N, C-alpha and C. Protein backbone atom coordinates (compact mmCIF):
# COMPACT_ATOMS: atom_id res chain seq x y z
N UNK A 1 219.49 -159.99 -2.61
CA UNK A 1 218.10 -159.67 -2.84
C UNK A 1 217.22 -160.69 -2.10
N UNK A 2 216.34 -160.19 -1.28
CA UNK A 2 215.47 -161.07 -0.49
C UNK A 2 214.37 -161.65 -1.37
N UNK A 3 214.04 -162.91 -1.11
CA UNK A 3 212.96 -163.56 -1.85
C UNK A 3 211.63 -163.14 -1.26
N UNK A 4 210.68 -162.81 -2.12
CA UNK A 4 209.34 -162.46 -1.65
C UNK A 4 208.45 -163.69 -1.75
N UNK A 5 207.87 -164.06 -0.62
CA UNK A 5 206.98 -165.20 -0.57
C UNK A 5 205.54 -164.71 -0.51
N UNK A 6 204.61 -165.48 -1.06
CA UNK A 6 203.19 -165.13 -0.91
C UNK A 6 202.78 -165.17 0.56
N UNK A 7 201.80 -164.38 0.91
CA UNK A 7 201.33 -164.31 2.29
C UNK A 7 200.45 -165.51 2.62
N UNK A 8 200.57 -166.06 3.82
CA UNK A 8 199.67 -167.15 4.22
C UNK A 8 198.27 -166.60 4.53
N UNK A 9 197.28 -167.44 4.38
CA UNK A 9 195.88 -167.02 4.54
C UNK A 9 195.39 -167.06 5.98
N UNK A 10 196.17 -167.61 6.91
CA UNK A 10 195.66 -167.86 8.25
C UNK A 10 195.81 -166.71 9.23
N UNK A 11 196.45 -165.60 8.84
CA UNK A 11 196.68 -164.50 9.78
C UNK A 11 195.95 -163.26 9.28
N UNK A 12 194.74 -163.04 9.81
CA UNK A 12 193.91 -161.93 9.33
C UNK A 12 193.08 -161.37 10.47
N UNK A 13 192.55 -160.18 10.25
CA UNK A 13 191.70 -159.50 11.24
C UNK A 13 190.49 -158.94 10.50
N UNK A 14 189.34 -158.99 11.19
CA UNK A 14 188.10 -158.45 10.63
C UNK A 14 187.56 -157.41 11.60
N UNK A 15 187.44 -156.18 11.13
CA UNK A 15 186.79 -155.11 11.90
C UNK A 15 185.40 -154.94 11.31
N UNK A 16 184.39 -155.34 12.05
CA UNK A 16 183.03 -155.39 11.49
C UNK A 16 182.03 -154.54 12.27
N UNK A 17 182.50 -153.73 13.18
CA UNK A 17 181.59 -152.84 13.90
C UNK A 17 180.99 -153.45 15.14
N UNK A 18 181.34 -154.69 15.46
CA UNK A 18 180.86 -155.34 16.67
C UNK A 18 182.01 -155.48 17.65
N UNK A 19 181.87 -156.39 18.59
CA UNK A 19 182.95 -156.65 19.54
C UNK A 19 184.17 -157.19 18.81
N UNK A 20 185.31 -157.09 19.44
CA UNK A 20 186.54 -157.55 18.82
C UNK A 20 186.76 -159.02 19.16
N UNK A 21 186.44 -159.89 18.22
CA UNK A 21 186.72 -161.31 18.37
C UNK A 21 187.16 -161.86 17.02
N UNK A 22 187.78 -163.01 17.05
CA UNK A 22 188.34 -163.57 15.83
C UNK A 22 187.33 -164.36 15.02
N UNK A 23 187.58 -164.41 13.74
CA UNK A 23 186.80 -165.24 12.82
C UNK A 23 187.70 -166.37 12.35
N UNK A 24 187.11 -167.52 12.10
CA UNK A 24 187.90 -168.65 11.63
C UNK A 24 187.98 -168.68 10.11
N UNK A 25 187.06 -167.99 9.44
CA UNK A 25 187.07 -168.01 7.97
C UNK A 25 186.32 -166.80 7.42
N UNK A 26 186.86 -166.26 6.34
CA UNK A 26 186.19 -165.21 5.57
C UNK A 26 186.22 -165.67 4.12
N UNK A 27 185.07 -165.67 3.47
CA UNK A 27 185.04 -166.05 2.05
C UNK A 27 184.09 -165.10 1.31
N UNK A 28 184.24 -165.07 0.00
CA UNK A 28 183.38 -164.24 -0.84
C UNK A 28 183.97 -162.89 -1.21
N UNK A 29 185.27 -162.75 -1.12
CA UNK A 29 185.91 -161.49 -1.49
C UNK A 29 186.10 -161.46 -3.01
N UNK A 30 184.98 -161.43 -3.74
CA UNK A 30 185.08 -161.45 -5.19
C UNK A 30 184.33 -160.28 -5.82
N UNK A 31 184.83 -159.88 -6.99
CA UNK A 31 184.25 -158.80 -7.76
C UNK A 31 184.14 -159.27 -9.21
N UNK A 32 183.15 -158.76 -9.91
CA UNK A 32 182.93 -159.17 -11.29
C UNK A 32 182.39 -157.99 -12.09
N UNK A 33 182.85 -157.86 -13.31
CA UNK A 33 182.28 -156.87 -14.22
C UNK A 33 181.45 -157.63 -15.23
N UNK A 34 180.17 -157.31 -15.29
CA UNK A 34 179.30 -157.97 -16.24
C UNK A 34 179.62 -157.48 -17.65
N UNK A 35 179.45 -158.35 -18.62
CA UNK A 35 179.78 -158.03 -20.00
C UNK A 35 178.51 -157.69 -20.76
N UNK A 36 178.58 -156.60 -21.52
CA UNK A 36 177.47 -156.20 -22.40
C UNK A 36 177.88 -156.53 -23.82
N UNK A 37 177.08 -157.32 -24.50
CA UNK A 37 177.35 -157.62 -25.91
C UNK A 37 176.42 -156.78 -26.77
N UNK A 38 177.00 -156.20 -27.82
CA UNK A 38 176.24 -155.29 -28.67
C UNK A 38 176.68 -155.47 -30.12
N UNK A 39 175.75 -155.37 -31.01
CA UNK A 39 176.07 -155.39 -32.43
C UNK A 39 175.21 -154.36 -33.13
N UNK A 40 175.85 -153.50 -33.87
CA UNK A 40 175.17 -152.51 -34.68
C UNK A 40 174.69 -153.19 -35.96
N UNK A 41 173.50 -152.86 -36.42
CA UNK A 41 172.93 -153.50 -37.61
C UNK A 41 173.71 -153.28 -38.88
N UNK A 42 174.49 -152.21 -38.99
CA UNK A 42 175.27 -151.95 -40.20
C UNK A 42 176.73 -152.33 -40.03
N UNK A 43 177.07 -153.02 -38.96
CA UNK A 43 178.44 -153.43 -38.72
C UNK A 43 178.89 -154.43 -39.78
N UNK A 44 180.11 -154.25 -40.33
CA UNK A 44 180.59 -155.20 -41.33
C UNK A 44 180.98 -156.55 -40.72
N UNK A 45 181.19 -156.59 -39.42
CA UNK A 45 181.52 -157.84 -38.73
C UNK A 45 180.25 -158.58 -38.36
N UNK A 46 180.30 -159.90 -38.48
CA UNK A 46 179.15 -160.72 -38.11
C UNK A 46 179.29 -161.24 -36.69
N UNK A 47 179.76 -160.38 -35.80
CA UNK A 47 179.89 -160.75 -34.40
C UNK A 47 179.62 -159.52 -33.53
N UNK A 48 179.44 -159.77 -32.28
CA UNK A 48 179.15 -158.67 -31.35
C UNK A 48 180.45 -158.08 -30.82
N UNK A 49 180.37 -156.85 -30.35
CA UNK A 49 181.47 -156.28 -29.59
C UNK A 49 181.12 -156.45 -28.12
N UNK A 50 182.14 -156.47 -27.29
CA UNK A 50 181.92 -156.64 -25.85
C UNK A 50 182.39 -155.40 -25.13
N UNK A 51 181.54 -154.93 -24.21
CA UNK A 51 181.83 -153.73 -23.44
C UNK A 51 181.69 -154.05 -21.96
N UNK A 52 182.46 -153.35 -21.11
CA UNK A 52 182.27 -153.56 -19.67
C UNK A 52 180.93 -152.97 -19.23
N UNK A 53 180.25 -153.72 -18.39
CA UNK A 53 178.95 -153.28 -17.87
C UNK A 53 179.03 -152.96 -16.39
N UNK A 54 177.97 -153.27 -15.70
CA UNK A 54 177.89 -152.98 -14.26
C UNK A 54 178.76 -153.94 -13.47
N UNK A 55 179.23 -153.47 -12.32
CA UNK A 55 180.01 -154.33 -11.45
C UNK A 55 179.08 -155.08 -10.51
N UNK A 56 179.52 -156.27 -10.15
CA UNK A 56 178.72 -157.14 -9.29
C UNK A 56 179.64 -157.69 -8.20
N UNK A 57 179.12 -157.76 -7.00
CA UNK A 57 179.90 -158.23 -5.86
C UNK A 57 179.20 -159.41 -5.21
N UNK A 58 179.96 -160.45 -4.89
CA UNK A 58 179.40 -161.60 -4.19
C UNK A 58 179.20 -161.29 -2.72
N UNK A 59 178.37 -162.08 -2.07
CA UNK A 59 178.16 -161.93 -0.63
C UNK A 59 179.37 -162.47 0.14
N UNK A 60 179.66 -161.82 1.26
CA UNK A 60 180.71 -162.30 2.16
C UNK A 60 180.13 -163.32 3.10
N UNK A 61 180.95 -164.26 3.53
CA UNK A 61 180.57 -165.19 4.59
C UNK A 61 181.62 -165.12 5.68
N UNK A 62 181.18 -164.82 6.89
CA UNK A 62 182.06 -164.79 8.07
C UNK A 62 181.71 -165.97 8.95
N UNK A 63 182.73 -166.74 9.36
CA UNK A 63 182.51 -167.89 10.23
C UNK A 63 183.33 -167.72 11.49
N UNK A 64 182.75 -168.17 12.60
CA UNK A 64 183.46 -168.09 13.88
C UNK A 64 182.95 -169.18 14.81
N UNK A 65 183.74 -169.46 15.83
CA UNK A 65 183.34 -170.43 16.83
C UNK A 65 182.27 -169.87 17.74
N UNK A 66 181.33 -170.71 18.14
CA UNK A 66 180.26 -170.32 19.05
C UNK A 66 180.84 -170.22 20.46
N UNK A 67 180.58 -169.10 21.14
CA UNK A 67 181.02 -168.94 22.51
C UNK A 67 179.82 -168.61 23.40
N UNK A 68 179.93 -168.92 24.67
CA UNK A 68 178.84 -168.68 25.62
C UNK A 68 178.63 -167.18 25.79
N UNK A 69 177.39 -166.78 25.93
CA UNK A 69 176.98 -165.41 26.23
C UNK A 69 177.44 -164.39 25.19
N UNK A 70 177.55 -164.81 23.94
CA UNK A 70 177.91 -163.88 22.87
C UNK A 70 176.89 -164.01 21.75
N UNK A 71 176.11 -162.98 21.56
CA UNK A 71 175.11 -163.01 20.49
C UNK A 71 175.21 -161.79 19.59
N UNK A 72 176.44 -161.36 19.29
CA UNK A 72 176.67 -160.19 18.44
C UNK A 72 176.05 -160.35 17.05
N UNK A 73 176.18 -161.54 16.45
CA UNK A 73 175.58 -161.77 15.14
C UNK A 73 174.07 -161.53 15.20
N UNK A 74 173.42 -162.03 16.24
CA UNK A 74 171.97 -161.95 16.34
C UNK A 74 171.51 -160.53 16.66
N UNK A 75 172.31 -159.78 17.41
CA UNK A 75 171.97 -158.37 17.66
C UNK A 75 171.95 -157.58 16.36
N UNK A 76 172.95 -157.82 15.51
CA UNK A 76 172.98 -157.12 14.22
C UNK A 76 171.82 -157.59 13.35
N UNK A 77 171.57 -158.88 13.32
CA UNK A 77 170.46 -159.44 12.54
C UNK A 77 169.13 -158.82 12.96
N UNK A 78 168.94 -158.61 14.26
CA UNK A 78 167.68 -158.10 14.79
C UNK A 78 167.47 -156.61 14.55
N UNK A 79 168.37 -155.95 13.83
CA UNK A 79 168.13 -154.54 13.47
C UNK A 79 167.23 -154.43 12.25
N UNK A 80 166.79 -155.55 11.67
CA UNK A 80 165.85 -155.54 10.53
C UNK A 80 164.53 -154.92 10.97
N UNK A 81 164.05 -153.95 10.23
CA UNK A 81 162.72 -153.37 10.45
C UNK A 81 162.15 -153.00 9.10
N UNK A 82 161.18 -153.74 8.63
CA UNK A 82 160.61 -153.54 7.30
C UNK A 82 161.73 -153.48 6.27
N UNK A 83 161.94 -152.35 5.63
CA UNK A 83 162.99 -152.27 4.61
C UNK A 83 164.24 -151.56 5.12
N UNK A 84 164.42 -151.48 6.42
CA UNK A 84 165.59 -150.82 7.00
C UNK A 84 166.40 -151.82 7.81
N UNK A 85 167.71 -151.58 7.84
CA UNK A 85 168.61 -152.40 8.64
C UNK A 85 169.87 -151.58 8.91
N UNK A 86 170.54 -151.91 9.98
CA UNK A 86 171.80 -151.23 10.28
C UNK A 86 172.86 -151.70 9.28
N UNK A 87 173.44 -150.74 8.58
CA UNK A 87 174.53 -151.05 7.63
C UNK A 87 175.86 -150.69 8.26
N UNK A 88 176.87 -151.49 7.94
CA UNK A 88 178.20 -151.27 8.51
C UNK A 88 179.25 -151.37 7.41
N UNK A 89 180.34 -150.65 7.61
CA UNK A 89 181.52 -150.84 6.78
C UNK A 89 182.40 -151.86 7.47
N UNK A 90 182.95 -152.79 6.70
CA UNK A 90 183.77 -153.87 7.24
C UNK A 90 185.16 -153.77 6.63
N UNK A 91 186.17 -153.96 7.46
CA UNK A 91 187.55 -153.96 6.99
C UNK A 91 188.17 -155.31 7.30
N UNK A 92 188.72 -155.95 6.26
CA UNK A 92 189.37 -157.25 6.41
C UNK A 92 190.85 -157.04 6.07
N UNK A 93 191.72 -157.37 6.99
CA UNK A 93 193.16 -157.13 6.82
C UNK A 93 193.92 -158.44 6.86
N UNK A 94 194.73 -158.69 5.83
CA UNK A 94 195.66 -159.81 5.83
C UNK A 94 196.94 -159.29 6.47
N UNK A 95 197.41 -159.97 7.52
CA UNK A 95 198.49 -159.45 8.34
C UNK A 95 199.83 -160.15 8.06
N UNK A 96 200.92 -159.43 8.32
CA UNK A 96 202.25 -160.03 8.20
C UNK A 96 202.67 -160.61 9.55
N UNK A 97 203.93 -161.07 9.64
CA UNK A 97 204.41 -161.70 10.87
C UNK A 97 204.49 -160.75 12.05
N UNK A 98 204.48 -159.43 11.78
CA UNK A 98 204.49 -158.42 12.84
C UNK A 98 203.08 -157.94 13.19
N UNK A 99 202.07 -158.63 12.69
CA UNK A 99 200.65 -158.33 12.93
C UNK A 99 200.24 -156.99 12.32
N UNK A 100 200.92 -156.58 11.24
CA UNK A 100 200.61 -155.34 10.54
C UNK A 100 199.85 -155.66 9.26
N UNK A 101 198.87 -154.83 8.88
CA UNK A 101 198.13 -155.08 7.64
C UNK A 101 199.02 -154.96 6.41
N UNK A 102 198.89 -155.92 5.51
CA UNK A 102 199.64 -155.90 4.26
C UNK A 102 198.67 -155.71 3.09
N UNK A 103 197.56 -156.43 3.12
CA UNK A 103 196.49 -156.27 2.13
C UNK A 103 195.22 -156.00 2.91
N UNK A 104 194.46 -154.96 2.48
CA UNK A 104 193.25 -154.57 3.19
C UNK A 104 192.09 -154.50 2.19
N UNK A 105 191.00 -155.19 2.53
CA UNK A 105 189.77 -155.10 1.76
C UNK A 105 188.78 -154.27 2.56
N UNK A 106 188.18 -153.27 1.92
CA UNK A 106 187.18 -152.43 2.58
C UNK A 106 185.84 -152.68 1.90
N UNK A 107 184.87 -153.07 2.71
CA UNK A 107 183.54 -153.43 2.24
C UNK A 107 182.57 -152.33 2.68
N UNK A 108 181.77 -151.82 1.72
CA UNK A 108 180.88 -150.70 2.00
C UNK A 108 179.43 -151.14 2.22
N UNK A 109 178.78 -150.50 3.17
CA UNK A 109 177.33 -150.64 3.40
C UNK A 109 176.87 -152.09 3.52
N UNK A 110 177.53 -152.84 4.35
CA UNK A 110 177.21 -154.25 4.52
C UNK A 110 176.04 -154.46 5.49
N UNK A 111 175.27 -155.52 5.23
CA UNK A 111 174.19 -155.90 6.15
C UNK A 111 173.96 -157.40 6.06
N UNK A 112 173.53 -158.03 7.16
CA UNK A 112 173.37 -159.49 7.17
C UNK A 112 172.14 -159.93 6.38
N UNK A 113 172.30 -161.02 5.63
CA UNK A 113 171.18 -161.58 4.87
C UNK A 113 170.89 -163.04 5.24
N UNK A 114 171.82 -163.67 5.96
CA UNK A 114 171.60 -165.07 6.34
C UNK A 114 172.44 -165.40 7.56
N UNK A 115 171.84 -166.10 8.50
CA UNK A 115 172.56 -166.61 9.68
C UNK A 115 172.46 -168.13 9.69
N UNK A 116 173.54 -168.77 10.09
CA UNK A 116 173.55 -170.23 10.21
C UNK A 116 174.15 -170.56 11.57
N UNK A 117 173.35 -171.15 12.43
CA UNK A 117 173.80 -171.50 13.78
C UNK A 117 174.72 -172.70 13.82
N UNK A 118 174.98 -173.32 12.67
CA UNK A 118 175.88 -174.47 12.63
C UNK A 118 175.13 -175.78 12.77
N UNK A 119 175.89 -176.86 12.77
CA UNK A 119 175.34 -178.20 12.91
C UNK A 119 175.78 -178.79 14.24
N UNK A 120 174.88 -179.49 14.86
CA UNK A 120 175.19 -180.18 16.11
C UNK A 120 175.16 -181.68 15.85
N UNK A 121 176.10 -182.39 16.45
CA UNK A 121 176.23 -183.81 16.18
C UNK A 121 176.70 -184.50 17.46
N UNK A 122 175.92 -185.46 17.94
CA UNK A 122 176.21 -186.12 19.21
C UNK A 122 177.55 -186.86 19.20
N UNK A 123 177.99 -187.32 18.05
CA UNK A 123 179.26 -188.06 17.99
C UNK A 123 180.39 -187.20 17.44
N UNK A 124 180.16 -185.91 17.30
CA UNK A 124 181.17 -185.01 16.72
C UNK A 124 182.27 -184.64 17.70
N UNK A 125 183.38 -184.22 17.15
CA UNK A 125 184.53 -183.82 17.95
C UNK A 125 185.09 -182.49 17.42
N UNK A 126 184.21 -181.65 16.87
CA UNK A 126 184.61 -180.39 16.29
C UNK A 126 184.09 -179.23 17.13
N UNK A 127 184.61 -178.06 16.85
CA UNK A 127 184.14 -176.83 17.47
C UNK A 127 182.82 -176.43 16.80
N UNK A 128 181.87 -175.92 17.57
CA UNK A 128 180.61 -175.42 17.01
C UNK A 128 180.91 -174.11 16.27
N UNK A 129 180.49 -174.05 15.00
CA UNK A 129 180.76 -172.89 14.15
C UNK A 129 179.45 -172.26 13.72
N UNK A 130 179.36 -170.93 13.85
CA UNK A 130 178.22 -170.20 13.31
C UNK A 130 178.72 -169.32 12.18
N UNK A 131 177.83 -169.00 11.24
CA UNK A 131 178.24 -168.18 10.12
C UNK A 131 177.17 -167.15 9.79
N UNK A 132 177.63 -166.07 9.18
CA UNK A 132 176.75 -165.00 8.74
C UNK A 132 177.10 -164.65 7.31
N UNK A 133 176.09 -164.60 6.46
CA UNK A 133 176.28 -164.16 5.08
C UNK A 133 175.89 -162.69 5.01
N UNK A 134 176.72 -161.90 4.35
CA UNK A 134 176.57 -160.45 4.35
C UNK A 134 176.54 -159.93 2.92
N UNK A 135 175.51 -159.16 2.59
CA UNK A 135 175.44 -158.46 1.31
C UNK A 135 176.07 -157.08 1.49
N UNK A 136 176.54 -156.51 0.41
CA UNK A 136 177.20 -155.20 0.50
C UNK A 136 177.13 -154.49 -0.84
N UNK A 137 177.65 -153.27 -0.88
CA UNK A 137 177.58 -152.43 -2.08
C UNK A 137 178.94 -152.14 -2.68
N UNK A 138 179.95 -152.93 -2.38
CA UNK A 138 181.23 -152.74 -3.03
C UNK A 138 182.42 -153.08 -2.17
N UNK A 139 183.50 -153.49 -2.84
CA UNK A 139 184.76 -153.84 -2.18
C UNK A 139 185.87 -153.03 -2.84
N UNK A 140 186.75 -152.49 -2.04
CA UNK A 140 187.99 -151.91 -2.56
C UNK A 140 189.15 -152.62 -1.87
N UNK A 141 190.27 -152.73 -2.59
CA UNK A 141 191.42 -153.44 -2.05
C UNK A 141 192.63 -152.52 -2.07
N UNK A 142 193.41 -152.56 -0.99
CA UNK A 142 194.61 -151.73 -0.88
C UNK A 142 195.78 -152.61 -0.46
N UNK A 143 196.89 -152.48 -1.15
CA UNK A 143 198.14 -153.11 -0.72
C UNK A 143 198.91 -152.08 0.07
N UNK A 144 199.34 -152.42 1.26
CA UNK A 144 200.06 -151.47 2.11
C UNK A 144 201.53 -151.41 1.75
């Protein structure tokens, strides 16, 4: 019987509707169900009952290295017009050693809410990183 090991976090792909380039980090793949507390006035218990409420999703953060002549993040950001913006579906795939998706997160109706051009430092020895925070309307997860 073969031992099953957990998948490493460093081999992933993001399909976000822009050019095909790699991201160095994806964070914010979280979901939450808000709790509703309720107590009926004639209840014999002196405590509330808890019921599942609305679902809540955190914002995604995508980070990547800054490259010359690439402004895909800013092109998407510049689609803002009053209360309209280009929405995209995003697919994040955790890959196995054969570069095949094993776990896939599908994000619906995503749009950028924050851009960070990174920090510059005269004595630094790191890669310049830019990031985009993305709001969305839901995540679904599939194990392949």
